[in-house]
N, C-alpha and C. Protein backbone atom coordinates (compact mmCIF):
# COMPACT_ATOMS: atom_id res chain seq x y z
N PRO A 1 -61.23 -166.32 -61.21
CA PRO A 1 -60.30 -165.73 -62.43
C PRO A 1 -58.83 -165.87 -61.53
N LEU A 2 -57.56 -165.85 -62.80
CA LEU A 2 -56.67 -166.08 -62.09
C LEU A 2 -56.20 -164.71 -61.24
N SER A 3 -56.67 -163.44 -61.15
CA SER A 3 -56.64 -162.37 -60.32
C SER A 3 -57.10 -162.65 -58.87
N ALA A 4 -57.64 -163.65 -58.83
CA ALA A 4 -58.71 -164.14 -57.35
C ALA A 4 -57.65 -164.27 -56.20
N ALA A 5 -57.30 -163.75 -55.67
CA ALA A 5 -56.43 -164.63 -54.61
C ALA A 5 -57.13 -164.23 -53.02
N SER A 6 -56.61 -164.77 -51.83
CA SER A 6 -56.95 -165.18 -50.89
C SER A 6 -56.08 -165.27 -49.37
N THR A 7 -56.28 -164.71 -48.41
CA THR A 7 -55.19 -165.46 -47.32
C THR A 7 -55.83 -166.06 -46.39
N ILE A 8 -55.07 -167.45 -46.12
CA ILE A 8 -55.61 -168.15 -45.78
C ILE A 8 -55.04 -168.12 -44.21
N VAL A 9 -55.84 -167.99 -43.32
CA VAL A 9 -55.25 -168.55 -41.95
C VAL A 9 -55.48 -169.68 -41.05
N VAL A 10 -54.38 -170.74 -40.83
CA VAL A 10 -54.38 -171.62 -40.72
C VAL A 10 -53.74 -171.98 -39.03
N THR A 11 -55.31 -172.81 -38.39
CA THR A 11 -54.90 -172.59 -36.89
C THR A 11 -55.28 -173.80 -36.56
N GLY A 12 -54.16 -174.51 -35.87
CA GLY A 12 -54.31 -175.72 -35.53
C GLY A 12 -55.05 -176.22 -34.29
N ASN A 13 -55.60 -177.05 -34.04
CA ASN A 13 -56.36 -177.34 -33.39
C ASN A 13 -56.48 -178.83 -32.70
N ILE A 14 -56.80 -178.73 -31.11
CA ILE A 14 -56.62 -180.37 -30.64
C ILE A 14 -57.40 -180.34 -29.87
N ASN A 15 -58.66 -181.58 -30.22
CA ASN A 15 -59.44 -181.86 -29.35
C ASN A 15 -59.61 -183.08 -28.67
N ASP A 16 -59.81 -182.20 -27.11
CA ASP A 16 -59.12 -183.81 -25.73
C ASP A 16 -60.59 -183.81 -25.20
N ASP A 17 -61.31 -185.10 -25.54
CA ASP A 17 -62.64 -184.73 -25.30
C ASP A 17 -62.77 -186.46 -23.99
N LYS A 18 -63.36 -185.80 -23.08
CA LYS A 18 -63.67 -187.44 -22.24
C LYS A 18 -64.92 -187.19 -21.65
N ARG A 19 -65.71 -188.35 -21.95
CA ARG A 19 -67.21 -188.90 -21.30
C ARG A 19 -67.17 -190.08 -20.86
N GLN A 20 -68.26 -190.01 -19.63
CA GLN A 20 -68.23 -190.81 -18.96
C GLN A 20 -69.79 -191.25 -18.73
N ILE A 21 -70.10 -192.27 -18.87
CA ILE A 21 -71.83 -192.24 -18.24
C ILE A 21 -71.82 -193.65 -17.35
N ASN A 22 -72.81 -193.54 -16.56
CA ASN A 22 -73.13 -194.51 -15.54
C ASN A 22 -74.42 -194.94 -15.67
N SER A 23 -74.99 -195.95 -15.54
CA SER A 23 -76.60 -196.03 -15.43
C SER A 23 -77.21 -197.44 -14.71
N TRP A 24 -78.16 -197.03 -14.25
CA TRP A 24 -78.82 -198.56 -14.09
C TRP A 24 -80.47 -198.37 -13.97
N GLN A 25 -80.79 -199.55 -13.82
CA GLN A 25 -82.41 -199.89 -14.11
C GLN A 25 -83.08 -201.16 -13.52
N VAL A 26 -84.01 -201.21 -12.91
CA VAL A 26 -84.53 -202.00 -12.22
C VAL A 26 -85.98 -201.95 -12.43
N ASP A 27 -86.63 -203.48 -12.37
CA ASP A 27 -87.97 -203.37 -13.14
C ASP A 27 -88.29 -204.69 -12.15
N PHE A 28 -89.49 -204.40 -11.80
CA PHE A 28 -90.51 -205.14 -11.34
C PHE A 28 -91.83 -205.68 -12.04
N THR A 29 -92.03 -206.46 -12.22
CA THR A 29 -93.34 -206.94 -13.15
C THR A 29 -94.26 -208.22 -12.46
N GLY A 30 -95.20 -207.97 -12.45
CA GLY A 30 -96.38 -208.74 -11.87
C GLY A 30 -97.62 -209.21 -13.15
N SER A 31 -98.03 -210.13 -12.62
CA SER A 31 -99.25 -210.46 -13.40
C SER A 31 -100.60 -211.51 -12.42
N PHE A 32 -101.77 -210.49 -12.51
CA PHE A 32 -102.77 -210.86 -11.63
C PHE A 32 -103.98 -211.30 -12.23
N ASP A 33 -104.75 -212.54 -11.94
CA ASP A 33 -106.10 -213.09 -12.67
C ASP A 33 -107.00 -212.18 -11.44
N LEU A 34 -107.81 -211.39 -12.19
CA LEU A 34 -108.90 -210.73 -11.22
C LEU A 34 -110.01 -211.20 -11.92
N PRO A 35 -110.97 -211.14 -10.98
CA PRO A 35 -112.31 -211.82 -11.27
C PRO A 35 -112.84 -211.41 -12.58
N PHE A 36 -112.38 -209.83 -13.15
CA PHE A 36 -113.05 -209.51 -14.15
C PHE A 36 -112.32 -209.26 -15.38
N GLY A 37 -110.75 -209.61 -15.43
CA GLY A 37 -109.81 -209.85 -16.59
C GLY A 37 -108.31 -209.91 -15.69
N ASN A 38 -107.11 -209.67 -16.37
CA ASN A 38 -106.03 -210.05 -16.02
C ASN A 38 -105.15 -208.42 -15.89
N LEU A 39 -104.50 -208.41 -15.02
CA LEU A 39 -103.77 -207.24 -15.03
C LEU A 39 -102.51 -207.48 -14.69
N LYS A 40 -101.57 -206.70 -15.48
CA LYS A 40 -100.09 -206.93 -15.89
C LYS A 40 -99.57 -205.44 -15.66
N THR A 41 -98.73 -205.62 -14.63
CA THR A 41 -98.03 -204.28 -13.93
C THR A 41 -96.63 -204.12 -14.02
N VAL A 42 -96.06 -202.99 -14.22
CA VAL A 42 -94.55 -202.69 -14.28
C VAL A 42 -93.92 -201.69 -13.28
N VAL A 43 -93.14 -202.05 -12.25
CA VAL A 43 -92.76 -200.46 -11.59
C VAL A 43 -91.67 -200.99 -11.61
N GLY A 44 -90.70 -199.42 -11.69
CA GLY A 44 -89.23 -199.77 -11.89
C GLY A 44 -88.42 -197.95 -11.46
N ALA A 45 -87.23 -197.97 -12.04
CA ALA A 45 -86.52 -196.93 -11.55
C ALA A 45 -85.18 -197.04 -12.66
N SER A 46 -84.72 -195.87 -12.62
CA SER A 46 -83.36 -195.86 -13.74
C SER A 46 -83.00 -194.80 -13.08
N GLU A 47 -81.36 -194.51 -13.45
CA GLU A 47 -80.54 -193.67 -13.26
C GLU A 47 -79.33 -193.67 -14.02
N THR A 48 -79.53 -192.06 -14.86
CA THR A 48 -78.02 -192.25 -15.74
C THR A 48 -77.26 -190.69 -14.66
N ASP A 49 -75.92 -191.13 -14.97
CA ASP A 49 -75.15 -190.28 -14.80
C ASP A 49 -74.20 -190.06 -15.70
N ALA A 50 -74.13 -188.55 -16.45
CA ALA A 50 -73.03 -188.24 -17.30
C ALA A 50 -72.43 -186.92 -16.75
N SER A 51 -71.07 -187.34 -17.19
CA SER A 51 -70.13 -186.41 -16.50
C SER A 51 -69.11 -186.26 -18.64
N ALA A 52 -68.93 -184.94 -18.41
CA ALA A 52 -67.97 -184.43 -19.92
C ALA A 52 -66.93 -183.61 -20.08
N ARG A 53 -65.63 -183.78 -20.09
CA ARG A 53 -64.89 -182.67 -20.72
C ARG A 53 -64.68 -182.47 -21.39
N ILE A 54 -64.72 -181.66 -22.39
CA ILE A 54 -64.37 -181.30 -23.25
C ILE A 54 -63.39 -179.94 -23.41
N ALA A 55 -62.12 -180.43 -24.23
CA ALA A 55 -61.31 -179.25 -24.08
C ALA A 55 -60.53 -179.20 -25.25
N THR A 56 -60.33 -177.69 -26.13
CA THR A 56 -60.18 -177.67 -27.52
C THR A 56 -58.72 -176.89 -26.75
N ARG A 57 -57.38 -177.18 -27.54
CA ARG A 57 -56.29 -176.37 -27.67
C ARG A 57 -56.00 -175.60 -28.58
N ILE A 58 -55.31 -174.89 -28.92
CA ILE A 58 -55.29 -173.85 -30.25
C ILE A 58 -53.90 -173.50 -30.47
N ASN A 59 -53.83 -173.43 -31.62
CA ASN A 59 -52.15 -172.73 -32.21
C ASN A 59 -52.34 -172.18 -33.31
N ASN A 60 -51.86 -170.49 -32.62
CA ASN A 60 -52.21 -169.60 -33.90
C ASN A 60 -50.70 -169.66 -34.60
N ASN A 61 -49.91 -170.07 -34.12
CA ASN A 61 -48.58 -169.64 -34.91
C ASN A 61 -48.00 -170.64 -36.48
N LEU A 62 -49.02 -171.40 -36.69
CA LEU A 62 -48.55 -172.32 -38.13
C LEU A 62 -48.61 -170.95 -38.49
N PRO A 63 -47.64 -171.50 -39.94
CA PRO A 63 -47.23 -170.54 -41.06
C PRO A 63 -48.52 -170.23 -41.98
N GLN A 64 -48.27 -168.80 -42.61
CA GLN A 64 -49.57 -168.26 -43.13
C GLN A 64 -48.75 -167.63 -44.29
N ARG A 65 -49.89 -167.82 -45.60
CA ARG A 65 -49.07 -167.75 -46.77
C ARG A 65 -50.11 -167.04 -47.69
N ASN A 66 -50.69 -166.12 -48.65
CA ASN A 66 -51.01 -165.76 -49.79
C ASN A 66 -50.94 -166.22 -50.77
N PHE A 67 -51.71 -167.14 -51.36
CA PHE A 67 -51.78 -167.96 -52.34
C PHE A 67 -53.32 -167.90 -53.32
N PRO A 68 -53.22 -168.16 -54.63
CA PRO A 68 -54.10 -167.92 -55.80
C PRO A 68 -55.26 -169.02 -54.94
N ILE A 69 -56.81 -169.07 -54.85
CA ILE A 69 -57.25 -169.89 -54.47
C ILE A 69 -57.45 -171.34 -55.40
N PHE A 70 -57.02 -171.15 -56.55
CA PHE A 70 -56.86 -172.26 -57.51
C PHE A 70 -55.62 -173.27 -57.04
N ASN A 71 -54.62 -173.15 -56.21
CA ASN A 71 -53.37 -174.08 -55.55
C ASN A 71 -53.66 -174.50 -54.84
N ILE A 72 -54.27 -175.58 -55.11
CA ILE A 72 -54.59 -176.78 -54.09
C ILE A 72 -53.49 -177.18 -53.21
N ALA A 73 -52.05 -177.66 -53.56
CA ALA A 73 -51.16 -177.66 -53.15
C ALA A 73 -50.30 -176.69 -51.99
N ALA A 74 -50.93 -175.84 -52.27
CA ALA A 74 -50.05 -174.73 -51.16
C ALA A 74 -50.74 -174.74 -49.76
N ARG A 75 -52.02 -175.42 -49.86
CA ARG A 75 -52.82 -175.93 -48.47
C ARG A 75 -52.22 -176.88 -47.85
N ASN A 76 -51.19 -177.66 -47.98
CA ASN A 76 -51.14 -179.09 -47.21
C ASN A 76 -50.12 -177.75 -46.04
N TYR A 77 -50.10 -178.01 -44.71
CA TYR A 77 -49.27 -177.29 -43.38
C TYR A 77 -48.99 -178.62 -42.94
N SER A 78 -48.12 -178.20 -42.12
CA SER A 78 -47.35 -179.37 -40.97
C SER A 78 -48.33 -179.13 -39.41
N VAL A 79 -48.39 -179.69 -38.75
CA VAL A 79 -49.31 -179.65 -37.67
C VAL A 79 -48.73 -178.43 -36.67
N GLY A 80 -46.73 -178.00 -36.92
CA GLY A 80 -46.48 -177.18 -36.08
C GLY A 80 -45.97 -178.03 -34.65
N ASN A 81 -45.50 -177.10 -33.75
CA ASN A 81 -45.12 -177.50 -32.56
C ASN A 81 -46.32 -177.91 -31.91
N LEU A 82 -46.00 -178.84 -30.58
CA LEU A 82 -47.21 -178.81 -30.19
C LEU A 82 -47.06 -178.18 -28.86
N SER A 83 -45.77 -177.57 -28.54
CA SER A 83 -45.58 -176.64 -27.50
C SER A 83 -46.67 -175.13 -27.90
N ASP A 84 -47.02 -174.98 -29.05
CA ASP A 84 -47.49 -173.79 -29.49
C ASP A 84 -49.17 -174.01 -29.31
N TYR A 85 -49.39 -175.11 -28.98
CA TYR A 85 -50.72 -175.03 -28.54
C TYR A 85 -51.39 -174.69 -27.09
N LEU A 86 -52.11 -173.60 -26.72
CA LEU A 86 -52.60 -173.31 -25.91
C LEU A 86 -54.34 -173.65 -25.71
N PRO A 87 -54.38 -173.83 -24.32
CA PRO A 87 -56.06 -173.76 -23.93
C PRO A 87 -56.77 -172.55 -24.61
N SER A 88 -57.89 -173.13 -25.14
CA SER A 88 -58.66 -171.77 -25.42
C SER A 88 -59.62 -171.68 -24.72
N VAL A 89 -59.86 -170.58 -24.53
CA VAL A 89 -60.68 -169.82 -23.09
C VAL A 89 -62.02 -170.64 -23.43
N THR A 90 -62.84 -170.65 -24.74
CA THR A 90 -64.06 -171.00 -24.68
C THR A 90 -64.30 -172.03 -25.14
N GLY A 91 -63.03 -172.89 -25.40
CA GLY A 91 -63.18 -174.34 -25.57
C GLY A 91 -62.95 -175.50 -24.51
N THR A 92 -62.85 -175.15 -23.40
CA THR A 92 -62.93 -176.27 -22.56
C THR A 92 -63.94 -175.97 -21.32
N THR A 93 -64.84 -177.32 -21.68
CA THR A 93 -66.12 -177.00 -20.60
C THR A 93 -66.28 -178.46 -19.97
N GLN A 94 -66.76 -177.97 -18.64
CA GLN A 94 -67.04 -179.22 -17.98
C GLN A 94 -68.59 -179.65 -17.66
N GLU A 95 -69.31 -180.72 -18.08
CA GLU A 95 -70.58 -180.79 -17.67
C GLU A 95 -71.01 -182.25 -17.00
N GLU A 96 -72.13 -181.87 -15.98
CA GLU A 96 -72.68 -182.81 -15.67
C GLU A 96 -73.83 -183.10 -15.60
N ARG A 97 -74.71 -184.47 -15.83
CA ARG A 97 -75.79 -184.19 -15.74
C ARG A 97 -76.52 -185.61 -15.14
N LEU A 98 -77.45 -185.17 -14.00
CA LEU A 98 -77.90 -186.63 -13.62
C LEU A 98 -79.37 -186.74 -13.62
N ASP A 99 -80.09 -187.65 -14.37
CA ASP A 99 -81.52 -187.98 -14.48
C ASP A 99 -82.14 -189.09 -13.37
N ARG A 100 -82.75 -188.98 -12.99
CA ARG A 100 -83.86 -189.89 -12.37
C ARG A 100 -85.07 -190.19 -12.92
N VAL A 101 -85.49 -191.61 -13.16
CA VAL A 101 -86.84 -191.73 -13.30
C VAL A 101 -87.65 -192.97 -12.75
N TYR A 102 -88.92 -192.68 -12.01
CA TYR A 102 -89.38 -193.53 -11.28
C TYR A 102 -90.75 -193.56 -12.56
N TYR A 103 -91.34 -194.91 -12.53
CA TYR A 103 -92.26 -195.18 -13.52
C TYR A 103 -93.21 -196.40 -12.72
N ALA A 104 -94.55 -196.06 -13.31
CA ALA A 104 -95.46 -197.25 -12.74
C ALA A 104 -96.26 -197.84 -13.97
N LEU A 105 -97.02 -199.05 -14.45
CA LEU A 105 -97.57 -198.89 -15.80
C LEU A 105 -98.60 -200.11 -15.42
N GLY A 106 -99.50 -200.29 -15.65
CA GLY A 106 -100.47 -201.03 -15.51
C GLY A 106 -101.36 -201.09 -16.76
N THR A 107 -101.70 -202.83 -17.20
CA THR A 107 -102.26 -202.71 -17.80
C THR A 107 -103.47 -204.05 -17.80
N LEU A 108 -104.62 -203.67 -18.04
CA LEU A 108 -105.96 -204.16 -17.70
C LEU A 108 -106.57 -205.10 -18.87
N THR A 109 -106.77 -206.33 -18.92
CA THR A 109 -107.68 -207.25 -20.11
C THR A 109 -108.83 -207.80 -19.53
N ALA A 110 -109.37 -207.31 -20.51
CA ALA A 110 -111.01 -208.16 -19.82
C ALA A 110 -111.82 -208.12 -21.10
N LEU A 111 -113.39 -208.24 -20.66
CA LEU A 111 -113.95 -209.04 -21.66
C LEU A 111 -113.52 -209.98 -22.41
N ASP A 112 -112.93 -210.74 -22.57
CA ASP A 112 -112.91 -212.10 -23.20
C ASP A 112 -111.98 -211.46 -24.42
N ASP A 113 -111.11 -210.81 -23.44
CA ASP A 113 -109.83 -210.57 -24.02
C ASP A 113 -109.87 -209.40 -25.24
N ARG A 114 -111.55 -208.76 -25.56
CA ARG A 114 -111.83 -207.68 -26.36
C ARG A 114 -111.39 -206.75 -26.08
N LEU A 115 -111.49 -206.03 -24.48
CA LEU A 115 -110.52 -204.24 -24.00
C LEU A 115 -109.52 -204.76 -23.26
N THR A 116 -108.57 -203.59 -23.85
CA THR A 116 -107.45 -203.46 -22.91
C THR A 116 -107.04 -202.01 -22.74
N LEU A 117 -107.06 -201.46 -21.49
CA LEU A 117 -106.64 -200.78 -20.90
C LEU A 117 -105.36 -200.21 -20.43
N LEU A 118 -105.12 -199.34 -20.37
CA LEU A 118 -103.37 -198.66 -19.58
C LEU A 118 -103.43 -197.78 -19.72
N VAL A 119 -102.80 -197.81 -18.06
CA VAL A 119 -102.40 -196.43 -17.83
C VAL A 119 -100.94 -196.49 -16.94
N GLY A 120 -100.42 -195.69 -17.10
CA GLY A 120 -99.18 -195.51 -16.27
C GLY A 120 -98.59 -193.87 -16.34
N VAL A 121 -97.70 -193.73 -15.55
CA VAL A 121 -97.31 -192.43 -14.53
C VAL A 121 -95.69 -192.60 -14.68
N GLY A 122 -95.01 -191.35 -14.66
CA GLY A 122 -93.57 -191.29 -14.54
C GLY A 122 -93.10 -189.80 -14.30
N HIS A 123 -92.46 -190.24 -13.03
CA HIS A 123 -92.21 -188.89 -12.33
C HIS A 123 -90.13 -189.21 -12.78
N GLY A 124 -89.63 -187.97 -12.92
CA GLY A 124 -88.40 -188.11 -13.53
C GLY A 124 -87.99 -186.33 -12.86
N THR A 125 -86.42 -186.47 -12.17
CA THR A 125 -85.74 -185.42 -11.96
C THR A 125 -84.53 -185.14 -12.45
N SER A 126 -84.26 -184.13 -13.18
CA SER A 126 -83.02 -183.58 -13.85
C SER A 126 -81.93 -182.68 -13.41
N GLU A 127 -80.75 -183.18 -13.25
CA GLU A 127 -79.75 -182.20 -12.92
C GLU A 127 -78.38 -182.07 -13.87
N THR A 128 -78.59 -180.37 -14.08
CA THR A 128 -77.56 -179.82 -15.27
C THR A 128 -76.71 -179.24 -14.42
N TYR A 129 -75.31 -179.29 -14.73
CA TYR A 129 -74.34 -178.45 -14.60
C TYR A 129 -73.40 -178.24 -15.69
N ILE A 130 -73.26 -176.64 -16.44
CA ILE A 130 -72.21 -176.95 -17.73
C ILE A 130 -71.66 -175.63 -17.23
N LYS A 131 -70.05 -175.70 -17.53
CA LYS A 131 -69.16 -174.44 -17.10
C LYS A 131 -68.07 -174.62 -18.23
N GLN A 132 -67.88 -173.94 -18.46
CA GLN A 132 -67.07 -173.42 -19.45
C GLN A 132 -65.38 -173.03 -18.40
N VAL A 133 -64.69 -173.52 -18.08
CA VAL A 133 -63.52 -174.10 -17.33
C VAL A 133 -62.62 -172.73 -16.84
N LEU A 134 -62.43 -172.10 -18.17
CA LEU A 134 -61.43 -170.86 -18.30
C LEU A 134 -61.98 -170.07 -18.21
N SER A 135 -63.61 -169.80 -18.25
CA SER A 135 -64.16 -168.43 -18.72
C SER A 135 -64.34 -167.82 -17.53
N THR A 136 -64.81 -166.48 -17.44
CA THR A 136 -65.67 -166.52 -16.11
C THR A 136 -66.90 -166.19 -15.95
N ALA A 137 -67.38 -166.56 -17.30
CA ALA A 137 -68.95 -166.81 -17.07
C ALA A 137 -69.52 -167.71 -16.42
N ALA A 138 -70.76 -167.49 -15.62
CA ALA A 138 -71.69 -168.00 -14.71
C ALA A 138 -71.47 -169.76 -15.59
N PRO A 139 -72.03 -170.14 -14.63
CA PRO A 139 -72.26 -171.69 -14.88
C PRO A 139 -73.63 -171.99 -15.20
N SER A 140 -74.02 -172.70 -16.23
CA SER A 140 -75.61 -172.84 -16.52
C SER A 140 -75.62 -173.65 -15.65
N VAL A 141 -77.05 -173.85 -14.85
CA VAL A 141 -77.46 -174.82 -14.02
C VAL A 141 -78.91 -175.02 -14.08
N GLY A 142 -79.08 -176.24 -14.19
CA GLY A 142 -80.83 -176.28 -14.43
C GLY A 142 -81.17 -177.63 -13.34
N ASP A 143 -82.64 -177.76 -12.83
CA ASP A 143 -82.73 -178.29 -11.64
C ASP A 143 -84.35 -178.55 -11.80
N PHE A 144 -85.08 -179.51 -12.64
CA PHE A 144 -86.56 -179.52 -12.83
C PHE A 144 -86.66 -181.22 -12.41
N ASP A 145 -88.36 -180.80 -11.85
CA ASP A 145 -88.79 -182.06 -11.43
C ASP A 145 -89.78 -182.39 -11.77
N VAL A 146 -90.38 -183.16 -12.65
CA VAL A 146 -91.84 -183.27 -13.41
C VAL A 146 -92.69 -184.90 -12.96
N THR A 147 -94.04 -184.59 -13.29
CA THR A 147 -94.61 -186.32 -13.10
C THR A 147 -95.67 -186.14 -14.46
N LYS A 148 -95.81 -186.56 -15.37
CA LYS A 148 -96.47 -187.38 -16.27
C LYS A 148 -97.17 -188.32 -15.92
N PRO A 149 -98.10 -188.36 -16.93
CA PRO A 149 -99.46 -189.64 -16.87
C PRO A 149 -99.41 -190.29 -18.59
N GLN A 150 -99.67 -191.37 -18.91
CA GLN A 150 -99.83 -192.03 -20.08
C GLN A 150 -101.75 -192.73 -19.72
N TYR A 151 -101.80 -192.47 -20.88
CA TYR A 151 -103.49 -193.54 -21.18
C TYR A 151 -103.63 -194.42 -22.72
N GLY A 152 -104.64 -195.61 -22.60
CA GLY A 152 -104.43 -195.97 -24.24
C GLY A 152 -105.39 -196.81 -23.43
N ALA A 153 -106.11 -197.23 -24.39
CA ALA A 153 -107.45 -197.99 -24.65
C ALA A 153 -107.32 -198.85 -25.96
N SER A 154 -107.89 -200.18 -26.09
CA SER A 154 -108.13 -200.70 -27.23
C SER A 154 -109.20 -201.58 -27.28
N PHE A 155 -110.01 -201.72 -28.17
CA PHE A 155 -111.26 -202.65 -28.42
C PHE A 155 -111.34 -203.12 -29.34
N ARG A 156 -111.26 -204.75 -29.40
CA ARG A 156 -111.65 -205.42 -30.71
C ARG A 156 -113.17 -205.46 -31.12
N ILE A 157 -113.61 -204.82 -32.23
CA ILE A 157 -115.09 -204.78 -32.65
C ILE A 157 -115.10 -205.69 -33.40
N LEU A 158 -114.03 -206.50 -34.13
CA LEU A 158 -114.43 -207.47 -35.03
C LEU A 158 -113.32 -208.45 -35.14
N PRO A 159 -112.95 -209.59 -35.35
CA PRO A 159 -111.87 -210.81 -35.47
C PRO A 159 -111.02 -209.96 -36.06
N LYS A 160 -109.80 -209.79 -35.05
CA LYS A 160 -108.68 -209.09 -36.10
C LYS A 160 -108.63 -207.66 -35.93
N THR A 161 -109.50 -207.17 -35.43
CA THR A 161 -109.99 -205.60 -35.80
C THR A 161 -110.24 -205.31 -34.74
N TYR A 162 -109.41 -203.94 -34.25
CA TYR A 162 -109.35 -202.74 -32.92
C TYR A 162 -109.31 -201.61 -33.32
N LEU A 163 -110.14 -201.10 -32.34
CA LEU A 163 -110.02 -199.61 -32.01
C LEU A 163 -109.19 -199.52 -30.82
N PHE A 164 -108.45 -198.02 -31.41
CA PHE A 164 -107.41 -197.71 -30.35
C PHE A 164 -107.12 -196.52 -30.18
N ALA A 165 -106.75 -195.83 -28.75
CA ALA A 165 -106.52 -194.72 -28.56
C ALA A 165 -105.27 -194.68 -27.44
N ASN A 166 -104.54 -193.28 -27.71
CA ASN A 166 -103.31 -193.45 -26.56
C ASN A 166 -103.35 -191.44 -26.16
N SER A 167 -102.71 -191.35 -25.23
CA SER A 167 -102.50 -189.97 -24.87
C SER A 167 -101.01 -190.12 -24.09
N SER A 168 -100.54 -189.56 -24.24
CA SER A 168 -99.30 -189.19 -23.21
C SER A 168 -98.80 -188.09 -23.02
N GLU A 169 -97.89 -187.75 -21.71
CA GLU A 169 -96.89 -186.47 -21.81
C GLU A 169 -95.67 -186.46 -21.77
N SER A 170 -94.48 -185.49 -21.74
CA SER A 170 -93.52 -186.25 -21.26
C SER A 170 -92.75 -185.10 -21.24
N ALA A 171 -91.47 -185.12 -20.75
CA ALA A 171 -90.57 -183.65 -20.68
C ALA A 171 -89.16 -184.05 -20.13
N SER A 172 -87.66 -183.66 -20.91
CA SER A 172 -86.65 -183.73 -20.64
C SER A 172 -85.85 -182.72 -20.70
N ALA A 173 -84.63 -182.27 -20.21
CA ALA A 173 -83.52 -181.68 -20.03
C ALA A 173 -83.40 -181.12 -21.57
N ASN A 174 -83.63 -179.65 -21.39
CA ASN A 174 -82.86 -179.06 -22.27
C ASN A 174 -81.32 -178.42 -22.16
N LEU A 175 -80.31 -178.78 -22.84
CA LEU A 175 -79.07 -178.43 -22.65
C LEU A 175 -78.61 -177.26 -22.77
N ARG A 176 -79.00 -176.59 -23.99
CA ARG A 176 -78.88 -175.32 -24.03
C ARG A 176 -79.68 -174.27 -23.01
N PHE A 177 -80.60 -174.61 -22.86
CA PHE A 177 -81.56 -173.75 -21.66
C PHE A 177 -81.53 -174.79 -20.53
N PRO A 178 -80.86 -175.55 -19.52
CA PRO A 178 -81.34 -176.40 -18.68
C PRO A 178 -82.40 -176.31 -17.55
N ASP A 179 -82.35 -175.02 -17.26
CA ASP A 179 -83.86 -174.64 -16.30
C ASP A 179 -85.05 -174.38 -17.45
N THR A 180 -84.95 -174.92 -18.51
CA THR A 180 -86.13 -174.82 -19.42
C THR A 180 -86.12 -176.01 -20.06
N PRO A 181 -86.86 -177.02 -19.25
CA PRO A 181 -87.16 -178.29 -19.75
C PRO A 181 -88.08 -178.54 -20.97
N GLU A 182 -87.77 -179.31 -22.23
CA GLU A 182 -88.64 -179.60 -23.11
C GLU A 182 -89.93 -180.24 -23.06
N LYS A 183 -90.90 -180.04 -22.80
CA LYS A 183 -91.97 -180.89 -22.68
C LYS A 183 -92.99 -181.09 -23.78
N GLY A 184 -93.63 -182.32 -23.99
CA GLY A 184 -94.73 -182.46 -25.22
C GLY A 184 -95.90 -183.27 -24.39
N GLN A 185 -96.43 -183.02 -25.02
CA GLN A 185 -97.85 -183.78 -25.29
C GLN A 185 -98.45 -184.79 -26.55
N SER A 186 -98.74 -185.81 -26.24
CA SER A 186 -99.15 -186.60 -28.50
C SER A 186 -100.66 -187.37 -27.80
N TYR A 187 -101.21 -187.79 -28.84
CA TYR A 187 -102.25 -188.45 -28.73
C TYR A 187 -102.51 -189.27 -29.97
N ASP A 188 -102.91 -190.13 -30.06
CA ASP A 188 -103.25 -190.94 -31.28
C ASP A 188 -104.41 -192.07 -31.43
N VAL A 189 -105.23 -192.01 -32.33
CA VAL A 189 -106.58 -192.92 -31.94
C VAL A 189 -106.65 -193.21 -33.38
N GLY A 190 -107.00 -194.49 -33.65
CA GLY A 190 -107.49 -195.18 -35.06
C GLY A 190 -107.86 -196.80 -34.93
N ILE A 191 -107.54 -197.16 -35.98
CA ILE A 191 -108.25 -198.43 -36.52
C ILE A 191 -107.32 -199.61 -36.76
N LYS A 192 -106.69 -200.71 -36.16
CA LYS A 192 -105.77 -201.97 -36.78
C LYS A 192 -106.29 -202.86 -36.37
N VAL A 193 -105.90 -203.43 -37.99
CA VAL A 193 -106.37 -204.77 -38.19
C VAL A 193 -104.95 -205.38 -38.34
N ALA A 194 -104.93 -206.80 -37.71
CA ALA A 194 -103.85 -207.67 -37.27
C ALA A 194 -104.34 -208.82 -37.58
N THR A 195 -103.58 -209.77 -38.52
CA THR A 195 -104.03 -210.77 -38.88
C THR A 195 -102.70 -211.81 -39.18
N ASP A 196 -102.70 -213.26 -39.27
CA ASP A 196 -101.87 -213.31 -39.72
C ASP A 196 -100.37 -213.28 -40.76
N LYS A 197 -101.23 -212.75 -41.68
CA LYS A 197 -100.68 -212.85 -43.00
C LYS A 197 -100.52 -211.08 -43.54
N PHE A 198 -101.21 -210.32 -42.60
CA PHE A 198 -101.72 -208.87 -43.12
C PHE A 198 -101.35 -208.07 -41.69
N SER A 199 -100.99 -207.13 -41.62
CA SER A 199 -101.70 -206.03 -40.38
C SER A 199 -101.24 -204.41 -41.11
N GLY A 200 -102.48 -203.48 -40.26
CA GLY A 200 -102.12 -202.10 -40.89
C GLY A 200 -103.09 -201.59 -40.04
N SER A 201 -102.77 -200.10 -39.70
CA SER A 201 -103.60 -199.47 -39.05
C SER A 201 -103.87 -198.11 -39.80
N LEU A 202 -104.66 -197.34 -39.58
CA LEU A 202 -105.22 -196.15 -40.07
C LEU A 202 -104.95 -195.28 -38.88
N THR A 203 -104.70 -193.95 -38.46
CA THR A 203 -104.15 -193.30 -37.51
C THR A 203 -104.37 -192.26 -37.41
N TYR A 204 -104.92 -191.29 -36.72
CA TYR A 204 -104.82 -190.01 -36.65
C TYR A 204 -103.84 -189.58 -35.11
N PHE A 205 -102.67 -188.83 -35.28
CA PHE A 205 -101.72 -188.31 -34.30
C PHE A 205 -101.49 -186.98 -34.09
N ASP A 206 -100.97 -186.53 -33.39
CA ASP A 206 -100.78 -185.20 -32.90
C ASP A 206 -99.76 -185.15 -31.87
């Protein structure tokens, strides 16, 4: 309606974010012919070092005015003077995150390639530091260390047809609650068909 009006409070924001990620990964692979089958292995490690500085400056001195909400043209404002933009107490954050993962994986193929077994293990560490630079609040610090396994098997029951099952566990850092990592468990079982012209699977997973 024409009588509807609103007070528009215009605030200028300047976001100045800087992020940097350094990472590396190395893998060693092997293949071994054993009396009962072929064993393939992977042993490796990786590290990711991520840092960020998230800064926000706010200008509360931009012009204010009352106008009917249907007046779109009245909503156009300038960005104001850059000298009026001041650091936001809650908008300047320093983040540091260091993740390391060590892992080993082995697959054994036996019984004339009818049976494949998979076993793996991963060990991860994560360190998190989050601080609001201009705030008196204590920094959020997280440090956790986990080791998780993985298992799997596949068995060929007919030409191009396989029964399979897998189970794994995982963990990752939770930036909202750094000292409480997110953990997961999963498994799946099913049957798979793989031919030259057709492939598909029927799987139950959780």
